[in-house]
């Protein structure tokens, strides 16, 4: 039981770190764009994954905009992948919140994507 609590504590701390990384201007703009492109709950994980890729690409290209040189991130380190997983969990939370708000404001059903209706038999 202690291992389960420790594992859940680790996941929640990772999600909290990812939420802190997303809760900035860049992350919120990316999450808003991803939520607007998300059509259903099934696409939420793919939208979060795409948002992480865009976020990491933007951070890699940022030194070029400042007149510096391009440097690839160290993708073989565990710190990079832990940071990417934290961003994924953070984007998952923020995009889900934005998706619910989008569904409430547009009147679209929250459970299904556009054009999908359940057949009654």
PDB file of N, CA and C in Angstrom:
ATOM      1  N   UNK A   1       0.822  -1.191   0.000  1.00  0.00           N
ATOM      2  CA  UNK A   1       0.000   0.000   0.000  1.00  0.00           C
ATOM      3  C   UNK A   1       0.865   1.254   0.000  1.00  0.00           C
ATOM      4  N   UNK A   2       2.002   1.185   0.696  1.00  0.00           N
ATOM      5  CA  UNK A   2       2.902   2.338   0.737  1.00  0.00           C
ATOM      6  C   UNK A   2       3.500   2.626  -0.630  1.00  0.00           C
ATOM      7  N   UNK A   3       3.764   1.572  -1.400  1.00  0.00           N
ATOM      8  CA  UNK A   3       4.313   1.770  -2.746  1.00  0.00           C
ATOM      9  C   UNK A   3       3.304   2.448  -3.661  1.00  0.00           C
ATOM     10  N   UNK A   4       2.049   2.104  -3.523  1.00  0.00           N
ATOM     11  CA  UNK A   4       1.003   2.737  -4.339  1.00  0.00           C
ATOM     12  C   UNK A   4       0.902   4.217  -3.997  1.00  0.00           C
ATOM     13  N   UNK A   5       0.941   4.531  -2.723  1.00  0.00           N
ATOM     14  CA  UNK A   5       0.867   5.929  -2.295  1.00  0.00           C
ATOM     15  C   UNK A   5       2.085   6.704  -2.780  1.00  0.00           C
ATOM     16  N   UNK A   6       3.263   6.079  -2.708  1.00  0.00           N
ATOM     17  CA  UNK A   6       4.475   6.732  -3.206  1.00  0.00           C
ATOM     18  C   UNK A   6       4.403   6.956  -4.716  1.00  0.00           C
ATOM     19  N   UNK A   7       3.894   5.977  -5.442  1.00  0.00           N
ATOM     20  CA  UNK A   7       3.781   6.118  -6.898  1.00  0.00           C
ATOM     21  C   UNK A   7       2.796   7.218  -7.258  1.00  0.00           C
ATOM     22  N   UNK A   8       1.651   7.236  -6.588  1.00  0.00           N
ATOM     23  CA  UNK A   8       0.674   8.295  -6.853  1.00  0.00           C
ATOM     24  C   UNK A   8       1.218   9.667  -6.474  1.00  0.00           C
ATOM     25  N   UNK A   9       1.961   9.734  -5.389  1.00  0.00           N
ATOM     26  CA  UNK A   9       2.571  10.995  -4.982  1.00  0.00           C
ATOM     27  C   UNK A   9       3.555  11.481  -6.043  1.00  0.00           C
ATOM     28  N   UNK A  10       4.320  10.556  -6.605  1.00  0.00           N
ATOM     29  CA  UNK A  10       5.254  10.906  -7.676  1.00  0.00           C
ATOM     30  C   UNK A  10       4.543  11.408  -8.918  1.00  0.00           C
ATOM     31  N   UNK A  11       3.443  10.746  -9.284  1.00  0.00           N
ATOM     32  CA  UNK A  11       2.679  11.171 -10.467  1.00  0.00           C
ATOM     33  C   UNK A  11       2.079  12.554 -10.244  1.00  0.00           C
ATOM     34  N   UNK A  12       1.539  12.783  -9.030  1.00  0.00           N
ATOM     35  CA  UNK A  12       0.939  14.088  -8.745  1.00  0.00           C
ATOM     36  C   UNK A  12       1.980  15.197  -8.699  1.00  0.00           C
ATOM     37  N   UNK A  13       3.168  14.909  -8.180  1.00  0.00           N
ATOM     38  CA  UNK A  13       4.213  15.939  -8.172  1.00  0.00           C
ATOM     39  C   UNK A  13       4.708  16.207  -9.589  1.00  0.00           C
ATOM     40  N   UNK A  14       4.773  15.171 -10.427  1.00  0.00           N
ATOM     41  CA  UNK A  14       5.163  15.357 -11.821  1.00  0.00           C
ATOM     42  C   UNK A  14       4.111  16.173 -12.564  1.00  0.00           C
ATOM     43  N   UNK A  15       2.838  15.893 -12.310  1.00  0.00           N
ATOM     44  CA  UNK A  15       1.764  16.671 -12.936  1.00  0.00           C
ATOM     45  C   UNK A  15       1.805  18.116 -12.456  1.00  0.00           C
ATOM     46  N   UNK A  16       2.098  18.335 -11.188  1.00  0.00           N
ATOM     47  CA  UNK A  16       2.202  19.695 -10.667  1.00  0.00           C
ATOM     48  C   UNK A  16       3.340  20.464 -11.318  1.00  0.00           C
ATOM     49  N   UNK A  17       4.475  19.795 -11.512  1.00  0.00           N
ATOM     50  CA  UNK A  17       5.602  20.441 -12.188  1.00  0.00           C
ATOM     51  C   UNK A  17       5.258  20.750 -13.641  1.00  0.00           C
ATOM     52  N   UNK A  18       4.555  19.836 -14.298  1.00  0.00           N
ATOM     53  CA  UNK A  18       4.146  20.078 -15.681  1.00  0.00           C
ATOM     54  C   UNK A  18       3.138  21.204 -15.779  1.00  0.00           C
ATOM     55  N   UNK A  19       2.235  21.271 -14.812  1.00  0.00           N
ATOM     56  CA  UNK A  19       1.250  22.353 -14.806  1.00  0.00           C
ATOM     57  C   UNK A  19       1.939  23.700 -14.614  1.00  0.00           C
ATOM     58  N   UNK A  20       2.976  23.742 -13.777  1.00  0.00           N
ATOM     59  CA  UNK A  20       3.738  24.973 -13.609  1.00  0.00           C
ATOM     60  C   UNK A  20       4.449  25.364 -14.901  1.00  0.00           C
ATOM     61  N   UNK A  21       4.921  24.380 -15.656  1.00  0.00           N
ATOM     62  CA  UNK A  21       5.579  24.674 -16.927  1.00  0.00           C
ATOM     63  C   UNK A  21       4.619  25.152 -17.992  1.00  0.00           C
ATOM     64  N   UNK A  22       3.371  24.686 -17.943  1.00  0.00           N
ATOM     65  CA  UNK A  22       2.373  25.081 -18.934  1.00  0.00           C
ATOM     66  C   UNK A  22       1.725  26.406 -18.544  1.00  0.00           C
ATOM     67  N   UNK A  23       1.692  26.691 -17.258  1.00  0.00           N
ATOM     68  CA  UNK A  23       0.984  27.870 -16.759  1.00  0.00           C
ATOM     69  C   UNK A  23       1.828  29.129 -16.944  1.00  0.00           C
ATOM     70  N   UNK A  24       2.311  29.344 -18.148  1.00  0.00           N
ATOM     71  CA  UNK A  24       3.036  30.540 -18.559  1.00  0.00           C
ATOM     72  C   UNK A  24       2.437  30.957 -19.894  1.00  0.00           C
ATOM     73  N   UNK A  25       2.817  32.112 -20.379  1.00  0.00           N
ATOM     74  CA  UNK A  25       2.203  32.643 -21.608  1.00  0.00           C
ATOM     75  C   UNK A  25       2.364  31.668 -22.775  1.00  0.00           C
ATOM     76  N   UNK A  26       3.552  31.151 -22.985  1.00  0.00           N
ATOM     77  CA  UNK A  26       3.786  30.226 -24.102  1.00  0.00           C
ATOM     78  C   UNK A  26       2.926  28.982 -23.972  1.00  0.00           C
ATOM     79  N   UNK A  27       2.919  28.379 -22.794  1.00  0.00           N
ATOM     80  CA  UNK A  27       2.149  27.157 -22.590  1.00  0.00           C
ATOM     81  C   UNK A  27       0.659  27.363 -22.723  1.00  0.00           C
ATOM     82  N   UNK A  28       0.162  28.488 -22.242  1.00  0.00           N
ATOM     83  CA  UNK A  28      -1.276  28.750 -22.328  1.00  0.00           C
ATOM     84  C   UNK A  28      -1.714  28.985 -23.768  1.00  0.00           C
ATOM     85  N   UNK A  29      -0.886  29.665 -24.545  1.00  0.00           N
ATOM     86  CA  UNK A  29      -1.229  29.894 -25.963  1.00  0.00           C
ATOM     87  C   UNK A  29      -1.222  28.567 -26.722  1.00  0.00           C
ATOM     88  N   UNK A  30      -0.218  27.736 -26.467  1.00  0.00           N
ATOM     89  CA  UNK A  30      -0.160  26.434 -27.134  1.00  0.00           C
ATOM     90  C   UNK A  30      -1.344  25.569 -26.705  1.00  0.00           C
ATOM     91  N   UNK A  31      -1.669  25.575 -25.412  1.00  0.00           N
ATOM     92  CA  UNK A  31      -2.794  24.765 -24.915  1.00  0.00           C
ATOM     93  C   UNK A  31      -4.116  25.256 -25.485  1.00  0.00           C
ATOM     94  N   UNK A  32      -4.291  26.564 -25.598  1.00  0.00           N
ATOM     95  CA  UNK A  32      -5.521  27.099 -26.167  1.00  0.00           C
ATOM     96  C   UNK A  32      -5.671  26.690 -27.630  1.00  0.00           C
ATOM     97  N   UNK A  33      -4.587  26.790 -28.399  1.00  0.00           N
ATOM     98  CA  UNK A  33      -4.636  26.374 -29.804  1.00  0.00           C
ATOM     99  C   UNK A  33      -4.928  24.879 -29.919  1.00  0.00           C
ATOM    100  N   UNK A  34      -4.313  24.080 -29.058  1.00  0.00           N
ATOM    101  CA  UNK A  34      -4.552  22.633 -29.094  1.00  0.00           C
ATOM    102  C   UNK A  34      -5.983  22.306 -28.709  1.00  0.00           C
ATOM    103  N   UNK A  35      -6.540  23.020 -27.733  1.00  0.00           N
ATOM    104  CA  UNK A  35      -7.921  22.764 -27.322  1.00  0.00           C
ATOM    105  C   UNK A  35      -8.895  23.141 -28.425  1.00  0.00           C
ATOM    106  N   UNK A  36      -8.597  24.204 -29.150  1.00  0.00           N
ATOM    107  CA  UNK A  36      -9.485  24.600 -30.253  1.00  0.00           C
ATOM    108  C   UNK A  36      -9.460  23.585 -31.389  1.00  0.00           C
ATOM    109  N   UNK A  37      -8.331  22.885 -31.548  1.00  0.00           N
ATOM    110  CA  UNK A  37      -8.232  21.884 -32.606  1.00  0.00           C
ATOM    111  C   UNK A  37      -8.706  20.506 -32.165  1.00  0.00           C
ATOM    112  N   UNK A  38      -8.894  20.302 -30.870  1.00  0.00           N
ATOM    113  CA  UNK A  38      -9.344  19.013 -30.363  1.00  0.00           C
ATOM    114  C   UNK A  38     -10.827  18.841 -30.630  1.00  0.00           C
ATOM    115  N   UNK A  39     -11.200  17.727 -31.241  1.00  0.00           N
ATOM    116  CA  UNK A  39     -12.599  17.520 -31.610  1.00  0.00           C
ATOM    117  C   UNK A  39     -13.354  16.607 -30.658  1.00  0.00           C
ATOM    118  N   UNK A  40     -12.645  15.770 -29.905  1.00  0.00           N
ATOM    119  CA  UNK A  40     -13.316  14.872 -28.966  1.00  0.00           C
ATOM    120  C   UNK A  40     -12.342  14.490 -27.865  1.00  0.00           C
ATOM    121  N   UNK A  41     -12.890  13.849 -26.825  1.00  0.00           N
ATOM    122  CA  UNK A  41     -12.056  13.423 -25.707  1.00  0.00           C
ATOM    123  C   UNK A  41     -11.035  12.382 -26.143  1.00  0.00           C
ATOM    124  N   UNK A  42     -11.349  11.615 -27.167  1.00  0.00           N
ATOM    125  CA  UNK A  42     -10.415  10.596 -27.648  1.00  0.00           C
ATOM    126  C   UNK A  42      -9.143  11.204 -28.209  1.00  0.00           C
ATOM    127  N   UNK A  43      -9.228  12.434 -28.664  1.00  0.00           N
ATOM    128  CA  UNK A  43      -8.084  13.107 -29.266  1.00  0.00           C
ATOM    129  C   UNK A  43      -7.271  13.911 -28.253  1.00  0.00           C
ATOM    130  N   UNK A  44      -7.680  13.897 -26.979  1.00  0.00           N
ATOM    131  CA  UNK A  44      -7.041  14.720 -25.962  1.00  0.00           C
ATOM    132  C   UNK A  44      -5.570  14.360 -25.765  1.00  0.00           C
ATOM    133  N   UNK A  45      -5.254  13.090 -25.667  1.00  0.00           N
ATOM    134  CA  UNK A  45      -3.864  12.674 -25.457  1.00  0.00           C
ATOM    135  C   UNK A  45      -2.989  13.049 -26.652  1.00  0.00           C
ATOM    136  N   UNK A  46      -3.535  12.925 -27.864  1.00  0.00           N
ATOM    137  CA  UNK A  46      -2.774  13.298 -29.055  1.00  0.00           C
ATOM    138  C   UNK A  46      -2.551  14.803 -29.110  1.00  0.00           C
ATOM    139  N   UNK A  47      -3.553  15.569 -28.688  1.00  0.00           N
ATOM    140  CA  UNK A  47      -3.393  17.017 -28.644  1.00  0.00           C
ATOM    141  C   UNK A  47      -2.338  17.424 -27.626  1.00  0.00           C
ATOM    142  N   UNK A  48      -2.335  16.766 -26.477  1.00  0.00           N
ATOM    143  CA  UNK A  48      -1.329  17.059 -25.455  1.00  0.00           C
ATOM    144  C   UNK A  48       0.067  16.681 -25.940  1.00  0.00           C
ATOM    145  N   UNK A  49       0.181  15.555 -26.626  1.00  0.00           N
ATOM    146  CA  UNK A  49       1.476  15.144 -27.165  1.00  0.00           C
ATOM    147  C   UNK A  49       1.972  16.137 -28.221  1.00  0.00           C
ATOM    148  N   UNK A  50       1.069  16.576 -29.094  1.00  0.00           N
ATOM    149  CA  UNK A  50       1.437  17.588 -30.087  1.00  0.00           C
ATOM    150  C   UNK A  50       1.835  18.899 -29.438  1.00  0.00           C
ATOM    151  N   UNK A  51       1.161  19.275 -28.368  1.00  0.00           N
ATOM    152  CA  UNK A  51       1.496  20.507 -27.662  1.00  0.00           C
ATOM    153  C   UNK A  51       2.880  20.412 -27.033  1.00  0.00           C
ATOM    154  N   UNK A  52       3.232  19.240 -26.511  1.00  0.00           N
ATOM    155  CA  UNK A  52       4.569  19.055 -25.934  1.00  0.00           C
ATOM    156  C   UNK A  52       5.628  19.191 -27.019  1.00  0.00           C
ATOM    157  N   UNK A  53       5.385  18.596 -28.180  1.00  0.00           N
ATOM    158  CA  UNK A  53       6.353  18.686 -29.282  1.00  0.00           C
ATOM    159  C   UNK A  53       6.533  20.139 -29.713  1.00  0.00           C
ATOM    160  N   UNK A  54       5.430  20.880 -29.859  1.00  0.00           N
ATOM    161  CA  UNK A  54       5.520  22.290 -30.238  1.00  0.00           C
ATOM    162  C   UNK A  54       6.266  23.078 -29.169  1.00  0.00           C
ATOM    163  N   UNK A  55       5.968  22.817 -27.901  1.00  0.00           N
ATOM    164  CA  UNK A  55       6.633  23.511 -26.795  1.00  0.00           C
ATOM    165  C   UNK A  55       8.140  23.258 -26.820  1.00  0.00           C
ATOM    166  N   UNK A  56       8.534  21.995 -26.983  1.00  0.00           N
ATOM    167  CA  UNK A  56       9.964  21.667 -26.989  1.00  0.00           C
ATOM    168  C   UNK A  56      10.662  22.232 -28.223  1.00  0.00           C
ATOM    169  N   UNK A  57       9.988  22.227 -29.372  1.00  0.00           N
ATOM    170  CA  UNK A  57      10.575  22.835 -30.573  1.00  0.00           C
ATOM    171  C   UNK A  57      10.751  24.339 -30.398  1.00  0.00           C
ATOM    172  N   UNK A  58       9.773  24.974 -29.794  1.00  0.00           N
ATOM    173  CA  UNK A  58       9.876  26.404 -29.563  1.00  0.00           C
ATOM    174  C   UNK A  58      11.049  26.708 -28.629  1.00  0.00           C
ATOM    175  N   UNK A  59      11.208  25.931 -27.563  1.00  0.00           N
ATOM    176  CA  UNK A  59      12.319  26.160 -26.643  1.00  0.00           C
ATOM    177  C   UNK A  59      13.671  25.906 -27.309  1.00  0.00           C
ATOM    178  N   UNK A  60      13.723  24.957 -28.248  1.00  0.00           N
ATOM    179  CA  UNK A  60      14.968  24.681 -28.962  1.00  0.00           C
ATOM    180  C   UNK A  60      15.292  25.783 -29.959  1.00  0.00           C
ATOM    181  N   UNK A  61      14.256  26.422 -30.533  1.00  0.00           N
ATOM    182  CA  UNK A  61      14.475  27.466 -31.535  1.00  0.00           C
ATOM    183  C   UNK A  61      14.627  28.862 -30.920  1.00  0.00           C
ATOM    184  N   UNK A  62      14.290  29.008 -29.659  1.00  0.00           N
ATOM    185  CA  UNK A  62      14.336  30.316 -29.012  1.00  0.00           C
ATOM    186  C   UNK A  62      15.719  30.959 -29.041  1.00  0.00           C
ATOM    187  N   UNK A  63      16.821  30.225 -28.833  1.00  0.00           N
ATOM    188  CA  UNK A  63      18.136  30.882 -28.929  1.00  0.00           C
ATOM    189  C   UNK A  63      18.423  31.482 -30.302  1.00  0.00           C
ATOM    190  N   UNK A  64      17.874  30.904 -31.367  1.00  0.00           N
ATOM    191  CA  UNK A  64      18.072  31.464 -32.702  1.00  0.00           C
ATOM    192  C   UNK A  64      17.428  32.841 -32.829  1.00  0.00           C
ATOM    193  N   UNK A  65      16.271  33.014 -32.236  1.00  0.00           N
ATOM    194  CA  UNK A  65      15.584  34.297 -32.296  1.00  0.00           C
ATOM    195  C   UNK A  65      16.337  35.372 -31.517  1.00  0.00           C
ATOM    196  N   UNK A  66      17.110  34.943 -30.553  1.00  0.00           N
ATOM    197  CA  UNK A  66      17.885  35.892 -29.739  1.00  0.00           C
ATOM    198  C   UNK A  66      19.295  36.114 -30.298  1.00  0.00           C
ATOM    199  N   UNK A  67      19.567  35.579 -31.476  1.00  0.00           N
ATOM    200  CA  UNK A  67      20.866  35.771 -32.101  1.00  0.00           C
ATOM    201  C   UNK A  67      21.895  34.736 -31.707  1.00  0.00           C
ATOM    202  N   UNK A  68      21.509  33.718 -31.011  1.00  0.00           N
ATOM    203  CA  UNK A  68      22.436  32.672 -30.579  1.00  0.00           C
ATOM    204  C   UNK A  68      22.513  31.555 -31.592  1.00  0.00           C
ATOM    205  N   UNK A  69      23.119  30.479 -31.185  1.00  0.00           N
ATOM    206  CA  UNK A  69      23.248  29.334 -32.074  1.00  0.00           C
ATOM    207  C   UNK A  69      22.243  28.258 -31.677  1.00  0.00           C
ATOM    208  N   UNK A  70      21.946  27.406 -32.629  1.00  0.00           N
ATOM    209  CA  UNK A  70      20.984  26.329 -32.411  1.00  0.00           C
ATOM    210  C   UNK A  70      21.670  25.178 -31.701  1.00  0.00           C
ATOM    211  N   UNK A  71      21.012  24.668 -30.671  1.00  0.00           N
ATOM    212  CA  UNK A  71      21.543  23.520 -29.951  1.00  0.00           C
ATOM    213  C   UNK A  71      20.398  22.549 -29.686  1.00  0.00           C
ATOM    214  N   UNK A  72      20.606  21.298 -30.066  1.00  0.00           N
ATOM    215  CA  UNK A  72      19.600  20.283 -29.809  1.00  0.00           C
ATOM    216  C   UNK A  72      19.568  19.947 -28.319  1.00  0.00           C
ATOM    217  N   UNK A  73      18.382  19.674 -27.791  1.00  0.00           N
ATOM    218  CA  UNK A  73      18.334  19.248 -26.387  1.00  0.00           C
ATOM    219  C   UNK A  73      18.923  17.845 -26.229  1.00  0.00           C
ATOM    220  N   UNK A  74      19.350  17.538 -25.043  1.00  0.00           N
ATOM    221  CA  UNK A  74      19.954  16.236 -24.755  1.00  0.00           C
ATOM    222  C   UNK A  74      18.839  15.205 -24.591  1.00  0.00           C
ATOM    223  N   UNK A  75      18.425  14.610 -25.705  1.00  0.00           N
ATOM    224  CA  UNK A  75      17.281  13.696 -25.691  1.00  0.00           C
ATOM    225  C   UNK A  75      17.625  12.328 -25.100  1.00  0.00           C
ATOM    226  N   UNK A  76      18.889  12.078 -24.820  1.00  0.00           N
ATOM    227  CA  UNK A  76      19.276  10.806 -24.236  1.00  0.00           C
ATOM    228  C   UNK A  76      19.324  10.851 -22.710  1.00  0.00           C
ATOM    229  N   UNK A  77      19.070  12.006 -22.135  1.00  0.00           N
ATOM    230  CA  UNK A  77      19.112  12.096 -20.674  1.00  0.00           C
ATOM    231  C   UNK A  77      17.729  11.853 -20.081  1.00  0.00           C
ATOM    232  N   UNK A  78      17.719  11.313 -18.899  1.00  0.00           N
ATOM    233  CA  UNK A  78      16.435  11.061 -18.232  1.00  0.00           C
ATOM    234  C   UNK A  78      15.776  12.358 -17.806  1.00  0.00           C
ATOM    235  N   UNK A  79      16.567  13.398 -17.538  1.00  0.00           N
ATOM    236  CA  UNK A  79      15.982  14.691 -17.154  1.00  0.00           C
ATOM    237  C   UNK A  79      15.112  15.261 -18.271  1.00  0.00           C
ATOM    238  N   UNK A  80      15.555  15.090 -19.514  1.00  0.00           N
ATOM    239  CA  UNK A  80      14.763  15.575 -20.651  1.00  0.00           C
ATOM    240  C   UNK A  80      13.422  14.855 -20.713  1.00  0.00           C
ATOM    241  N   UNK A  81      13.435  13.533 -20.561  1.00  0.00           N
ATOM    242  CA  UNK A  81      12.204  12.755 -20.687  1.00  0.00           C
ATOM    243  C   UNK A  81      11.282  12.947 -19.495  1.00  0.00           C
ATOM    244  N   UNK A  82      11.841  13.149 -18.306  1.00  0.00           N
ATOM    245  CA  UNK A  82      11.006  13.453 -17.143  1.00  0.00           C
ATOM    246  C   UNK A  82      10.350  14.814 -17.323  1.00  0.00           C
ATOM    247  N   UNK A  83      11.113  15.778 -17.845  1.00  0.00           N
ATOM    248  CA  UNK A  83      10.538  17.097 -18.127  1.00  0.00           C
ATOM    249  C   UNK A  83       9.459  17.033 -19.197  1.00  0.00           C
ATOM    250  N   UNK A  84       9.690  16.210 -20.231  1.00  0.00           N
ATOM    251  CA  UNK A  84       8.689  16.053 -21.281  1.00  0.00           C
ATOM    252  C   UNK A  84       7.427  15.379 -20.743  1.00  0.00           C
ATOM    253  N   UNK A  85       7.597  14.388 -19.864  1.00  0.00           N
ATOM    254  CA  UNK A  85       6.434  13.720 -19.262  1.00  0.00           C
ATOM    255  C   UNK A  85       5.664  14.692 -18.370  1.00  0.00           C
ATOM    256  N   UNK A  86       6.387  15.534 -17.646  1.00  0.00           N
ATOM    257  CA  UNK A  86       5.727  16.539 -16.801  1.00  0.00           C
ATOM    258  C   UNK A  86       4.951  17.530 -17.657  1.00  0.00           C
ATOM    259  N   UNK A  87       5.552  17.965 -18.771  1.00  0.00           N
ATOM    260  CA  UNK A  87       4.834  18.858 -19.685  1.00  0.00           C
ATOM    261  C   UNK A  87       3.600  18.175 -20.262  1.00  0.00           C
ATOM    262  N   UNK A  88       3.715  16.894 -20.602  1.00  0.00           N
ATOM    263  CA  UNK A  88       2.578  16.155 -21.142  1.00  0.00           C
ATOM    264  C   UNK A  88       1.417  16.135 -20.152  1.00  0.00           C
ATOM    265  N   UNK A  89       1.705  15.827 -18.890  1.00  0.00           N
ATOM    266  CA  UNK A  89       0.642  15.811 -17.884  1.00  0.00           C
ATOM    267  C   UNK A  89       0.055  17.196 -17.675  1.00  0.00           C
ATOM    268  N   UNK A  90       0.914  18.210 -17.692  1.00  0.00           N
ATOM    269  CA  UNK A  90       0.416  19.579 -17.551  1.00  0.00           C
ATOM    270  C   UNK A  90      -0.469  19.988 -18.711  1.00  0.00           C
ATOM    271  N   UNK A  91      -0.039  19.684 -19.930  1.00  0.00           N
ATOM    272  CA  UNK A  91      -0.862  20.001 -21.099  1.00  0.00           C
ATOM    273  C   UNK A  91      -2.156  19.193 -21.101  1.00  0.00           C
ATOM    274  N   UNK A  92      -2.096  17.958 -20.632  1.00  0.00           N
ATOM    275  CA  UNK A  92      -3.306  17.141 -20.552  1.00  0.00           C
ATOM    276  C   UNK A  92      -4.348  17.821 -19.668  1.00  0.00           C
ATOM    277  N   UNK A  93      -3.916  18.349 -18.536  1.00  0.00           N
ATOM    278  CA  UNK A  93      -4.831  19.026 -17.612  1.00  0.00           C
ATOM    279  C   UNK A  93      -5.376  20.316 -18.223  1.00  0.00           C
ATOM    280  N   UNK A  94      -4.493  21.148 -18.744  1.00  0.00           N
ATOM    281  CA  UNK A  94      -4.913  22.470 -19.240  1.00  0.00           C
ATOM    282  C   UNK A  94      -5.762  22.345 -20.499  1.00  0.00           C
ATOM    283  N   UNK A  95      -5.396  21.461 -21.409  1.00  0.00           N
ATOM    284  CA  UNK A  95      -6.186  21.285 -22.631  1.00  0.00           C
ATOM    285  C   UNK A  95      -7.560  20.720 -22.285  1.00  0.00           C
ATOM    286  N   UNK A  96      -7.634  19.826 -21.312  1.00  0.00           N
ATOM    287  CA  UNK A  96      -8.937  19.290 -20.890  1.00  0.00           C
ATOM    288  C   UNK A  96      -9.826  20.413 -20.341  1.00  0.00           C
ATOM    289  N   UNK A  97      -9.256  21.291 -19.543  1.00  0.00           N
ATOM    290  CA  UNK A  97     -10.035  22.417 -19.012  1.00  0.00           C
ATOM    291  C   UNK A  97     -10.510  23.320 -20.137  1.00  0.00           C
ATOM    292  N   UNK A  98      -9.602  23.663 -21.061  1.00  0.00           N
ATOM    293  CA  UNK A  98      -9.989  24.512 -22.192  1.00  0.00           C
ATOM    294  C   UNK A  98     -11.016  23.824 -23.086  1.00  0.00           C
ATOM    295  N   UNK A  99     -10.899  22.491 -23.246  1.00  0.00           N
ATOM    296  CA  UNK A  99     -11.842  21.760 -24.086  1.00  0.00           C
ATOM    297  C   UNK A  99     -13.242  21.775 -23.473  1.00  0.00           C
ATOM    298  N   UNK A 100     -13.327  21.618 -22.155  1.00  0.00           N
ATOM    299  CA  UNK A 100     -14.632  21.697 -21.487  1.00  0.00           C
ATOM    300  C   UNK A 100     -15.224  23.099 -21.661  1.00  0.00           C
ATOM    301  N   UNK A 101     -14.396  24.130 -21.491  1.00  0.00           N
ATOM    302  CA  UNK A 101     -14.889  25.498 -21.678  1.00  0.00           C
ATOM    303  C   UNK A 101     -15.351  25.734 -23.115  1.00  0.00           C
ATOM    304  N   UNK A 102     -14.594  25.208 -24.071  1.00  0.00           N
ATOM    305  CA  UNK A 102     -14.982  25.342 -25.483  1.00  0.00           C
ATOM    306  C   UNK A 102     -16.313  24.653 -25.737  1.00  0.00           C
ATOM    307  N   UNK A 103     -16.482  23.474 -25.173  1.00  0.00           N
ATOM    308  CA  UNK A 103     -17.723  22.728 -25.371  1.00  0.00           C
ATOM    309  C   UNK A 103     -18.908  23.438 -24.728  1.00  0.00           C
ATOM    310  N   UNK A 104     -18.688  24.031 -23.566  1.00  0.00           N
ATOM    311  CA  UNK A 104     -19.777  24.758 -22.905  1.00  0.00           C
ATOM    312  C   UNK A 104     -20.152  26.029 -23.654  1.00  0.00           C
ATOM    313  N   UNK A 105     -19.160  26.720 -24.204  1.00  0.00           N
ATOM    314  CA  UNK A 105     -19.432  27.979 -24.898  1.00  0.00           C
ATOM    315  C   UNK A 105     -20.045  27.767 -26.280  1.00  0.00           C
ATOM    316  N   UNK A 106     -19.656  26.691 -26.945  1.00  0.00           N
ATOM    317  CA  UNK A 106     -20.191  26.454 -28.287  1.00  0.00           C
ATOM    318  C   UNK A 106     -21.445  25.598 -28.277  1.00  0.00           C
ATOM    319  N   UNK A 107     -21.763  24.999 -27.145  1.00  0.00           N
ATOM    320  CA  UNK A 107     -22.950  24.160 -27.055  1.00  0.00           C
ATOM    321  C   UNK A 107     -22.763  22.774 -27.631  1.00  0.00           C
ATOM    322  N   UNK A 108     -21.515  22.441 -27.972  1.00  0.00           N
ATOM    323  CA  UNK A 108     -21.243  21.109 -28.518  1.00  0.00           C
ATOM    324  C   UNK A 108     -21.269  20.094 -27.389  1.00  0.00           C
ATOM    325  N   UNK A 109     -21.687  18.875 -27.673  1.00  0.00           N
ATOM    326  CA  UNK A 109     -21.676  17.853 -26.625  1.00  0.00           C
ATOM    327  C   UNK A 109     -20.252  17.563 -26.172  1.00  0.00           C
ATOM    328  N   UNK A 110     -20.048  17.431 -24.901  1.00  0.00           N
ATOM    329  CA  UNK A 110     -18.717  17.211 -24.348  1.00  0.00           C
ATOM    330  C   UNK A 110     -18.240  15.794 -24.600  1.00  0.00           C
ATOM    331  N   UNK A 111     -19.149  14.847 -24.683  1.00  0.00           N
ATOM    332  CA  UNK A 111     -18.776  13.445 -24.777  1.00  0.00           C
ATOM    333  C   UNK A 111     -18.355  12.981 -26.150  1.00  0.00           C
ATOM    334  N   UNK A 112     -18.848  13.586 -27.209  1.00  0.00           N
ATOM    335  CA  UNK A 112     -18.567  13.115 -28.562  1.00  0.00           C
ATOM    336  C   UNK A 112     -18.082  14.268 -29.425  1.00  0.00           C
ATOM    337  N   UNK A 113     -17.406  13.914 -30.502  1.00  0.00           N
ATOM    338  CA  UNK A 113     -16.926  14.906 -31.449  1.00  0.00           C
ATOM    339  C   UNK A 113     -18.047  15.381 -32.353  1.00  0.00           C
ATOM    340  N   UNK A 114     -17.749  16.348 -33.214  1.00  0.00           N
ATOM    341  CA  UNK A 114     -18.785  16.872 -34.099  1.00  0.00           C
ATOM    342  C   UNK A 114     -19.223  15.835 -35.132  1.00  0.00           C
ATOM    343  N   UNK A 115     -20.496  15.794 -35.400  1.00  0.00           N
ATOM    344  CA  UNK A 115     -21.023  14.930 -36.430  1.00  0.00           C
ATOM    345  C   UNK A 115     -21.219  13.485 -36.026  1.00  0.00           C
ATOM    346  N   UNK A 116     -20.935  13.151 -34.815  1.00  0.00           N
ATOM    347  CA  UNK A 116     -21.099  11.773 -34.358  1.00  0.00           C
ATOM    348  C   UNK A 116     -22.320  11.693 -33.473  1.00  0.00           C
ATOM    349  N   UNK A 117     -23.268  10.939 -33.907  1.00  0.00           N
ATOM    350  CA  UNK A 117     -24.492  10.770 -33.121  1.00  0.00           C
ATOM    351  C   UNK A 117     -24.714   9.297 -32.857  1.00  0.00           C
ATOM    352  N   UNK A 118     -25.204   9.031 -31.705  1.00  0.00           N
ATOM    353  CA  UNK A 118     -25.496   7.652 -31.339  1.00  0.00           C
ATOM    354  C   UNK A 118     -26.826   7.254 -31.961  1.00  0.00           C
ATOM    355  N   UNK A 119     -26.826   6.098 -32.577  1.00  0.00           N
ATOM    356  CA  UNK A 119     -28.075   5.594 -33.191  1.00  0.00           C
ATOM    357  C   UNK A 119     -28.924   4.935 -32.125  1.00  0.00           C
ATOM    358  N   UNK A 120     -30.159   5.252 -32.148  1.00  0.00           N
ATOM    359  CA  UNK A 120     -31.116   4.602 -31.231  1.00  0.00           C
ATOM    360  C   UNK A 120     -31.764   3.447 -31.974  1.00  0.00           C
ATOM    361  N   UNK A 121     -31.813   2.302 -31.355  1.00  0.00           N
ATOM    362  CA  UNK A 121     -32.409   1.141 -32.013  1.00  0.00           C
ATOM    363  C   UNK A 121     -33.595   0.683 -31.257  1.00  0.00           C
TER     364      UNK A 121
END
